[in-house]
Amino acid sequence: MTLVEGNTVQGKVVNITNFGAFVEVDGQTGLVHISEIADSYVKDIKDYIEPGEDVMVKVLSVGNDGKISLSIKQADSEVSV
């Protein structure tokens, strides 16, 4: 499946850094920046998610260079509405 901007898909957290979380979706890995984890201020990402966890993410962008930008916050707001 090709990732399309605006779609909400399920992925698996594969790594957490101090600036975000890497999530694997359909064999590709994208970044959820720390600002896209939750609506509130996030000091420690591990308070919200952990490696191996399945999460719903919204595809924000897919760059020509292969970089994929994802958001948990925006995927959660769509489900909550």
PDB file of N, CA and C in Angstrom:
ATOM      1  N   MET A   1       0.850  -1.191   0.000  1.00  0.00           N
ATOM      2  CA  MET A   1       0.000   0.000   0.000  1.00  0.00           C
ATOM      3  C   MET A   1       0.885   1.241   0.000  1.00  0.00           C
ATOM      4  N   THR A   2       0.528   2.198  -0.822  1.00  0.00           N
ATOM      5  CA  THR A   2       1.260   3.450  -0.877  1.00  0.00           C
ATOM      6  C   THR A   2       0.687   4.405   0.160  1.00  0.00           C
ATOM      7  N   LEU A   3       1.574   5.035   0.913  1.00  0.00           N
ATOM      8  CA  LEU A   3       1.115   6.006   1.906  1.00  0.00           C
ATOM      9  C   LEU A   3       0.691   7.284   1.199  1.00  0.00           C
ATOM     10  N   VAL A   4      -0.494   7.772   1.562  1.00  0.00           N
ATOM     11  CA  VAL A   4      -1.056   8.969   0.944  1.00  0.00           C
ATOM     12  C   VAL A   4      -1.282  10.017   2.025  1.00  0.00           C
ATOM     13  N   GLU A   5      -0.854  11.249   1.750  1.00  0.00           N
ATOM     14  CA  GLU A   5      -1.050  12.337   2.704  1.00  0.00           C
ATOM     15  C   GLU A   5      -2.523  12.455   3.063  1.00  0.00           C
ATOM     16  N   GLY A   6      -2.787  12.586   4.370  1.00  0.00           N
ATOM     17  CA  GLY A   6      -4.150  12.744   4.848  1.00  0.00           C
ATOM     18  C   GLY A   6      -4.793  11.449   5.323  1.00  0.00           C
ATOM     19  N   ASN A   7      -4.241  10.304   4.926  1.00  0.00           N
ATOM     20  CA  ASN A   7      -4.793   9.019   5.368  1.00  0.00           C
ATOM     21  C   ASN A   7      -4.409   8.733   6.816  1.00  0.00           C
ATOM     22  N   THR A   8      -5.284   8.032   7.516  1.00  0.00           N
ATOM     23  CA  THR A   8      -4.999   7.577   8.866  1.00  0.00           C
ATOM     24  C   THR A   8      -4.825   6.065   8.803  1.00  0.00           C
ATOM     25  N   VAL A   9      -3.671   5.602   9.292  1.00  0.00           N
ATOM     26  CA  VAL A   9      -3.326   4.187   9.196  1.00  0.00           C
ATOM     27  C   VAL A   9      -2.758   3.703  10.530  1.00  0.00           C
ATOM     28  N   GLN A  10      -2.685   2.382  10.682  1.00  0.00           N
ATOM     29  CA  GLN A  10      -2.105   1.805  11.896  1.00  0.00           C
ATOM     30  C   GLN A  10      -0.639   1.489  11.645  1.00  0.00           C
ATOM     31  N   GLY A  11       0.169   1.765  12.670  1.00  0.00           N
ATOM     32  CA  GLY A  11       1.593   1.466  12.581  1.00  0.00           C
ATOM     33  C   GLY A  11       2.103   0.936  13.911  1.00  0.00           C
ATOM     34  N   LYS A  12       3.387   0.587  13.933  1.00  0.00           N
ATOM     35  CA  LYS A  12       4.011   0.060  15.148  1.00  0.00           C
ATOM     36  C   LYS A  12       5.214   0.927  15.491  1.00  0.00           C
ATOM     37  N   VAL A  13       5.282   1.346  16.751  1.00  0.00           N
ATOM     38  CA  VAL A  13       6.410   2.148  17.223  1.00  0.00           C
ATOM     39  C   VAL A  13       7.652   1.257  17.232  1.00  0.00           C
ATOM     40  N   VAL A  14       8.696   1.678  16.512  1.00  0.00           N
ATOM     41  CA  VAL A  14       9.915   0.875  16.442  1.00  0.00           C
ATOM     42  C   VAL A  14      11.063   1.485  17.229  1.00  0.00           C
ATOM     43  N   ASN A  15      11.034   2.809  17.456  1.00  0.00           N
ATOM     44  CA  ASN A  15      12.110   3.458  18.193  1.00  0.00           C
ATOM     45  C   ASN A  15      11.622   4.799  18.730  1.00  0.00           C
ATOM     46  N   ILE A  16      12.154   5.180  19.887  1.00  0.00           N
ATOM     47  CA  ILE A  16      11.822   6.473  20.483  1.00  0.00           C
ATOM     48  C   ILE A  16      13.115   7.242  20.720  1.00  0.00           C
ATOM     49  N   THR A  17      13.117   8.511  20.323  1.00  0.00           N
ATOM     50  CA  THR A  17      14.254   9.393  20.564  1.00  0.00           C
ATOM     51  C   THR A  17      13.774  10.577  21.381  1.00  0.00           C
ATOM     52  N   ASN A  18      14.672  11.503  21.693  1.00  0.00           N
ATOM     53  CA  ASN A  18      14.250  12.675  22.463  1.00  0.00           C
ATOM     54  C   ASN A  18      13.457  13.672  21.620  1.00  0.00           C
ATOM     55  N   PHE A  19      13.462  13.527  20.294  1.00  0.00           N
ATOM     56  CA  PHE A  19      12.737  14.466  19.429  1.00  0.00           C
ATOM     57  C   PHE A  19      11.510  13.860  18.763  1.00  0.00           C
ATOM     58  N   GLY A  20      11.272  12.565  18.951  1.00  0.00           N
ATOM     59  CA  GLY A  20      10.109  11.955  18.333  1.00  0.00           C
ATOM     60  C   GLY A  20      10.145  10.437  18.387  1.00  0.00           C
ATOM     61  N   ALA A  21       9.203   9.844  17.674  1.00  0.00           N
ATOM     62  CA  ALA A  21       9.096   8.383  17.634  1.00  0.00           C
ATOM     63  C   ALA A  21       9.074   7.933  16.182  1.00  0.00           C
ATOM     64  N   PHE A  22       9.786   6.853  15.910  1.00  0.00           N
ATOM     65  CA  PHE A  22       9.764   6.268  14.576  1.00  0.00           C
ATOM     66  C   PHE A  22       8.723   5.160  14.559  1.00  0.00           C
ATOM     67  N   VAL A  23       7.831   5.243  13.559  1.00  0.00           N
ATOM     68  CA  VAL A  23       6.717   4.311  13.452  1.00  0.00           C
ATOM     69  C   VAL A  23       6.779   3.637  12.088  1.00  0.00           C
ATOM     70  N   GLU A  24       6.684   2.302  12.102  1.00  0.00           N
ATOM     71  CA  GLU A  24       6.691   1.543  10.863  1.00  0.00           C
ATOM     72  C   GLU A  24       5.266   1.353  10.372  1.00  0.00           C
ATOM     73  N   VAL A  25       5.045   1.732   9.110  1.00  0.00           N
ATOM     74  CA  VAL A  25       3.737   1.591   8.473  1.00  0.00           C
ATOM     75  C   VAL A  25       3.959   0.946   7.110  1.00  0.00           C
ATOM     76  N   ASP A  26       3.376  -0.214   6.918  1.00  0.00           N
ATOM     77  CA  ASP A  26       3.476  -0.918   5.632  1.00  0.00           C
ATOM     78  C   ASP A  26       4.919  -1.075   5.158  1.00  0.00           C
ATOM     79  N   GLY A  27       5.811  -1.437   6.063  1.00  0.00           N
ATOM     80  CA  GLY A  27       7.195  -1.674   5.689  1.00  0.00           C
ATOM     81  C   GLY A  27       8.042  -0.428   5.539  1.00  0.00           C
ATOM     82  N   GLN A  28       7.460   0.730   5.756  1.00  0.00           N
ATOM     83  CA  GLN A  28       8.187   1.993   5.675  1.00  0.00           C
ATOM     84  C   GLN A  28       8.197   2.638   7.053  1.00  0.00           C
ATOM     85  N   THR A  29       9.254   3.387   7.363  1.00  0.00           N
ATOM     86  CA  THR A  29       9.350   4.021   8.665  1.00  0.00           C
ATOM     87  C   THR A  29       9.226   5.527   8.535  1.00  0.00           C
ATOM     88  N   GLY A  30       8.339   6.099   9.358  1.00  0.00           N
ATOM     89  CA  GLY A  30       8.142   7.539   9.373  1.00  0.00           C
ATOM     90  C   GLY A  30       8.361   8.085  10.766  1.00  0.00           C
ATOM     91  N   LEU A  31       8.471   9.402  10.864  1.00  0.00           N
ATOM     92  CA  LEU A  31       8.727  10.066  12.136  1.00  0.00           C
ATOM     93  C   LEU A  31       7.486  10.783  12.642  1.00  0.00           C
ATOM     94  N   VAL A  32       7.160  10.543  13.908  1.00  0.00           N
ATOM     95  CA  VAL A  32       6.157  11.333  14.615  1.00  0.00           C
ATOM     96  C   VAL A  32       6.963  12.301  15.486  1.00  0.00           C
ATOM     97  N   HIS A  33       7.002  13.570  15.093  1.00  0.00           N
ATOM     98  CA  HIS A  33       7.749  14.562  15.867  1.00  0.00           C
ATOM     99  C   HIS A  33       7.117  14.695  17.247  1.00  0.00           C
ATOM    100  N   ILE A  34       7.909  15.058  18.249  1.00  0.00           N
ATOM    101  CA  ILE A  34       7.412  15.167  19.623  1.00  0.00           C
ATOM    102  C   ILE A  34       6.201  16.101  19.721  1.00  0.00           C
ATOM    103  N   SER A  35       6.139  17.116  18.855  1.00  0.00           N
ATOM    104  CA  SER A  35       5.005  18.050  18.868  1.00  0.00           C
ATOM    105  C   SER A  35       3.732  17.428  18.321  1.00  0.00           C
ATOM    106  N   GLU A  36       3.834  16.255  17.691  1.00  0.00           N
ATOM    107  CA  GLU A  36       2.681  15.568  17.105  1.00  0.00           C
ATOM    108  C   GLU A  36       2.278  14.321  17.898  1.00  0.00           C
ATOM    109  N   ILE A  37       2.789  14.192  19.138  1.00  0.00           N
ATOM    110  CA  ILE A  37       2.450  13.046  19.978  1.00  0.00           C
ATOM    111  C   ILE A  37       1.092  13.241  20.658  1.00  0.00           C
ATOM    112  N   ALA A  38       0.887  14.423  21.255  1.00  0.00           N
ATOM    113  CA  ALA A  38      -0.341  14.680  22.020  1.00  0.00           C
ATOM    114  C   ALA A  38      -0.699  16.159  21.964  1.00  0.00           C
ATOM    115  N   ASP A  39      -1.957  16.470  22.328  1.00  0.00           N
ATOM    116  CA  ASP A  39      -2.414  17.867  22.331  1.00  0.00           C
ATOM    117  C   ASP A  39      -1.735  18.692  23.422  1.00  0.00           C
ATOM    118  N   SER A  40      -1.327  18.034  24.491  1.00  0.00           N
ATOM    119  CA  SER A  40      -0.688  18.741  25.599  1.00  0.00           C
ATOM    120  C   SER A  40       0.839  18.713  25.428  1.00  0.00           C
ATOM    121  N   TYR A  41       1.539  19.464  26.290  1.00  0.00           N
ATOM    122  CA  TYR A  41       3.000  19.505  26.255  1.00  0.00           C
ATOM    123  C   TYR A  41       3.557  18.117  26.582  1.00  0.00           C
ATOM    124  N   VAL A  42       4.483  17.653  25.764  1.00  0.00           N
ATOM    125  CA  VAL A  42       5.096  16.345  25.960  1.00  0.00           C
ATOM    126  C   VAL A  42       6.549  16.548  26.379  1.00  0.00           C
ATOM    127  N   LYS A  43       6.844  16.208  27.627  1.00  0.00           N
ATOM    128  CA  LYS A  43       8.220  16.305  28.114  1.00  0.00           C
ATOM    129  C   LYS A  43       8.979  15.015  27.816  1.00  0.00           C
ATOM    130  N   ASP A  44       8.318  13.876  28.057  1.00  0.00           N
ATOM    131  CA  ASP A  44       8.926  12.570  27.829  1.00  0.00           C
ATOM    132  C   ASP A  44       7.968  11.714  27.008  1.00  0.00           C
ATOM    133  N   ILE A  45       8.369  11.392  25.800  1.00  0.00           N
ATOM    134  CA  ILE A  45       7.517  10.621  24.889  1.00  0.00           C
ATOM    135  C   ILE A  45       7.122   9.282  25.502  1.00  0.00           C
ATOM    136  N   LYS A  46       8.019   8.716  26.307  1.00  0.00           N
ATOM    137  CA  LYS A  46       7.754   7.401  26.904  1.00  0.00           C
ATOM    138  C   LYS A  46       6.578   7.427  27.876  1.00  0.00           C
ATOM    139  N   ASP A  47       6.124   8.618  28.275  1.00  0.00           N
ATOM    140  CA  ASP A  47       4.919   8.731  29.102  1.00  0.00           C
ATOM    141  C   ASP A  47       3.658   8.480  28.273  1.00  0.00           C
ATOM    142  N   TYR A  48       3.789   8.528  26.946  1.00  0.00           N
ATOM    143  CA  TYR A  48       2.637   8.412  26.052  1.00  0.00           C
ATOM    144  C   TYR A  48       2.634   7.123  25.232  1.00  0.00           C
ATOM    145  N   ILE A  49       3.816   6.723  24.758  1.00  0.00           N
ATOM    146  CA  ILE A  49       3.921   5.515  23.927  1.00  0.00           C
ATOM    147  C   ILE A  49       5.213   4.784  24.260  1.00  0.00           C
ATOM    148  N   GLU A  50       5.301   3.535  23.812  1.00  0.00           N
ATOM    149  CA  GLU A  50       6.521   2.754  24.038  1.00  0.00           C
ATOM    150  C   GLU A  50       6.804   1.893  22.815  1.00  0.00           C
ATOM    151  N   PRO A  51       8.066   1.499  22.619  1.00  0.00           N
ATOM    152  CA  PRO A  51       8.416   0.660  21.472  1.00  0.00           C
ATOM    153  C   PRO A  51       7.587  -0.629  21.451  1.00  0.00           C
ATOM    154  N   GLY A  52       7.175  -1.024  20.256  1.00  0.00           N
ATOM    155  CA  GLY A  52       6.370  -2.230  20.086  1.00  0.00           C
ATOM    156  C   GLY A  52       4.876  -1.972  20.124  1.00  0.00           C
ATOM    157  N   GLU A  53       4.478  -0.782  20.554  1.00  0.00           N
ATOM    158  CA  GLU A  53       3.063  -0.449  20.669  1.00  0.00           C
ATOM    159  C   GLU A  53       2.464  -0.141  19.296  1.00  0.00           C
ATOM    160  N   ASP A  54       1.245  -0.613  19.068  1.00  0.00           N
ATOM    161  CA  ASP A  54       0.513  -0.274  17.852  1.00  0.00           C
ATOM    162  C   ASP A  54      -0.189   1.055  18.065  1.00  0.00           C
ATOM    163  N   VAL A  55      -0.060   1.954  17.085  1.00  0.00           N
ATOM    164  CA  VAL A  55      -0.663   3.284  17.186  1.00  0.00           C
ATOM    165  C   VAL A  55      -1.323   3.662  15.862  1.00  0.00           C
ATOM    166  N   MET A  56      -2.339   4.496  15.944  1.00  0.00           N
ATOM    167  CA  MET A  56      -2.946   5.069  14.750  1.00  0.00           C
ATOM    168  C   MET A  56      -2.231   6.377  14.454  1.00  0.00           C
ATOM    169  N   VAL A  57      -1.844   6.575  13.202  1.00  0.00           N
ATOM    170  CA  VAL A  57      -1.131   7.783  12.799  1.00  0.00           C
ATOM    171  C   VAL A  57      -1.770   8.366  11.544  1.00  0.00           C
ATOM    172  N   LYS A  58      -1.710   9.686  11.442  1.00  0.00           N
ATOM    173  CA  LYS A  58      -2.144  10.369  10.226  1.00  0.00           C
ATOM    174  C   LYS A  58      -0.898  10.707   9.426  1.00  0.00           C
ATOM    175  N   VAL A  59      -0.933  10.464   8.126  1.00  0.00           N
ATOM    176  CA  VAL A  59       0.194  10.770   7.255  1.00  0.00           C
ATOM    177  C   VAL A  59       0.139  12.264   6.934  1.00  0.00           C
ATOM    178  N   LEU A  60       1.140  13.016   7.416  1.00  0.00           N
ATOM    179  CA  LEU A  60       1.185  14.460   7.176  1.00  0.00           C
ATOM    180  C   LEU A  60       1.846  14.774   5.842  1.00  0.00           C
ATOM    181  N   SER A  61       2.934  14.065   5.540  1.00  0.00           N
ATOM    182  CA  SER A  61       3.606  14.293   4.264  1.00  0.00           C
ATOM    183  C   SER A  61       4.496  13.111   3.919  1.00  0.00           C
ATOM    184  N   VAL A  62       4.686  12.924   2.624  1.00  0.00           N
ATOM    185  CA  VAL A  62       5.618  11.930   2.111  1.00  0.00           C
ATOM    186  C   VAL A  62       6.508  12.682   1.138  1.00  0.00           C
ATOM    187  N   GLY A  63       7.755  12.899   1.553  1.00  0.00           N
ATOM    188  CA  GLY A  63       8.673  13.689   0.740  1.00  0.00           C
ATOM    189  C   GLY A  63       9.264  12.916  -0.418  1.00  0.00           C
ATOM    190  N   ASN A  64       9.741  13.659  -1.416  1.00  0.00           N
ATOM    191  CA  ASN A  64      10.399  13.033  -2.568  1.00  0.00           C
ATOM    192  C   ASN A  64      11.662  12.298  -2.149  1.00  0.00           C
ATOM    193  N   ASP A  65      12.232  12.708  -1.010  1.00  0.00           N
ATOM    194  CA  ASP A  65      13.439  12.069  -0.495  1.00  0.00           C
ATOM    195  C   ASP A  65      13.123  10.829   0.333  1.00  0.00           C
ATOM    196  N   GLY A  66      11.839  10.472   0.436  1.00  0.00           N
ATOM    197  CA  GLY A  66      11.428   9.282   1.162  1.00  0.00           C
ATOM    198  C   GLY A  66      11.097   9.525   2.619  1.00  0.00           C
ATOM    199  N   LYS A  67      11.269  10.756   3.105  1.00  0.00           N
ATOM    200  CA  LYS A  67      10.947  11.052   4.498  1.00  0.00           C
ATOM    201  C   LYS A  67       9.434  11.117   4.675  1.00  0.00           C
ATOM    202  N   ILE A  68       8.961  10.434   5.718  1.00  0.00           N
ATOM    203  CA  ILE A  68       7.529  10.367   5.991  1.00  0.00           C
ATOM    204  C   ILE A  68       7.264  11.044   7.325  1.00  0.00           C
ATOM    205  N   SER A  69       6.361  12.008   7.310  1.00  0.00           N
ATOM    206  CA  SER A  69       5.999  12.735   8.528  1.00  0.00           C
ATOM    207  C   SER A  69       4.622  12.266   8.979  1.00  0.00           C
ATOM    208  N   LEU A  70       4.529  11.868  10.257  1.00  0.00           N
ATOM    209  CA  LEU A  70       3.303  11.289  10.797  1.00  0.00           C
ATOM    210  C   LEU A  70       2.842  12.053  12.033  1.00  0.00           C
ATOM    211  N   SER A  71       1.563  11.872  12.405  1.00  0.00           N
ATOM    212  CA  SER A  71       1.021  12.509  13.597  1.00  0.00           C
ATOM    213  C   SER A  71       0.084  11.563  14.334  1.00  0.00           C
ATOM    214  N   ILE A  72       0.374  11.343  15.617  1.00  0.00           N
ATOM    215  CA  ILE A  72      -0.554  10.594  16.476  1.00  0.00           C
ATOM    216  C   ILE A  72      -1.651  11.537  16.953  1.00  0.00           C
ATOM    217  N   LYS A  73      -1.276  12.765  17.269  1.00  0.00           N
ATOM    218  CA  LYS A  73      -2.210  13.767  17.783  1.00  0.00           C
ATOM    219  C   LYS A  73      -3.378  13.986  16.810  1.00  0.00           C
ATOM    220  N   GLN A  74      -3.072  14.166  15.539  1.00  0.00           N
ATOM    221  CA  GLN A  74      -4.133  14.417  14.558  1.00  0.00           C
ATOM    222  C   GLN A  74      -4.961  13.184  14.267  1.00  0.00           C
ATOM    223  N   ALA A  75      -4.366  12.007  14.366  1.00  0.00           N
ATOM    224  CA  ALA A  75      -5.127  10.769  14.180  1.00  0.00           C
ATOM    225  C   ALA A  75      -6.096  10.594  15.350  1.00  0.00           C
ATOM    226  N   ASP A  76      -5.656  10.906  16.578  1.00  0.00           N
ATOM    227  CA  ASP A  76      -6.507  10.806  17.758  1.00  0.00           C
ATOM    228  C   ASP A  76      -7.679  11.775  17.683  1.00  0.00           C
ATOM    229  N   SER A  77      -7.435  12.983  17.182  1.00  0.00           N
ATOM    230  CA  SER A  77      -8.514  13.976  17.125  1.00  0.00           C
ATOM    231  C   SER A  77      -9.582  13.573  16.111  1.00  0.00           C
ATOM    232  N   GLU A  78      -9.194  12.865  15.053  1.00  0.00           N
ATOM    233  CA  GLU A  78     -10.172  12.391  14.075  1.00  0.00           C
ATOM    234  C   GLU A  78     -11.045  11.295  14.665  1.00  0.00           C
ATOM    235  N   VAL A  79     -10.435  10.416  15.464  1.00  0.00           N
ATOM    236  CA  VAL A  79     -11.172   9.312  16.074  1.00  0.00           C
ATOM    237  C   VAL A  79     -12.109   9.850  17.172  1.00  0.00           C
ATOM    238  N   SER A  80     -11.692  10.895  17.871  1.00  0.00           N
ATOM    239  CA  SER A  80     -12.454  11.435  18.986  1.00  0.00           C
ATOM    240  C   SER A  80     -13.695  12.200  18.534  1.00  0.00           C
ATOM    241  N   VAL A  81     -13.684  12.695  17.307  1.00  0.00           N
ATOM    242  CA  VAL A  81     -14.787  13.552  16.834  1.00  0.00           C
ATOM    243  C   VAL A  81     -16.029  12.767  16.616  1.00  0.00           C
TER     244      VAL A  81
END
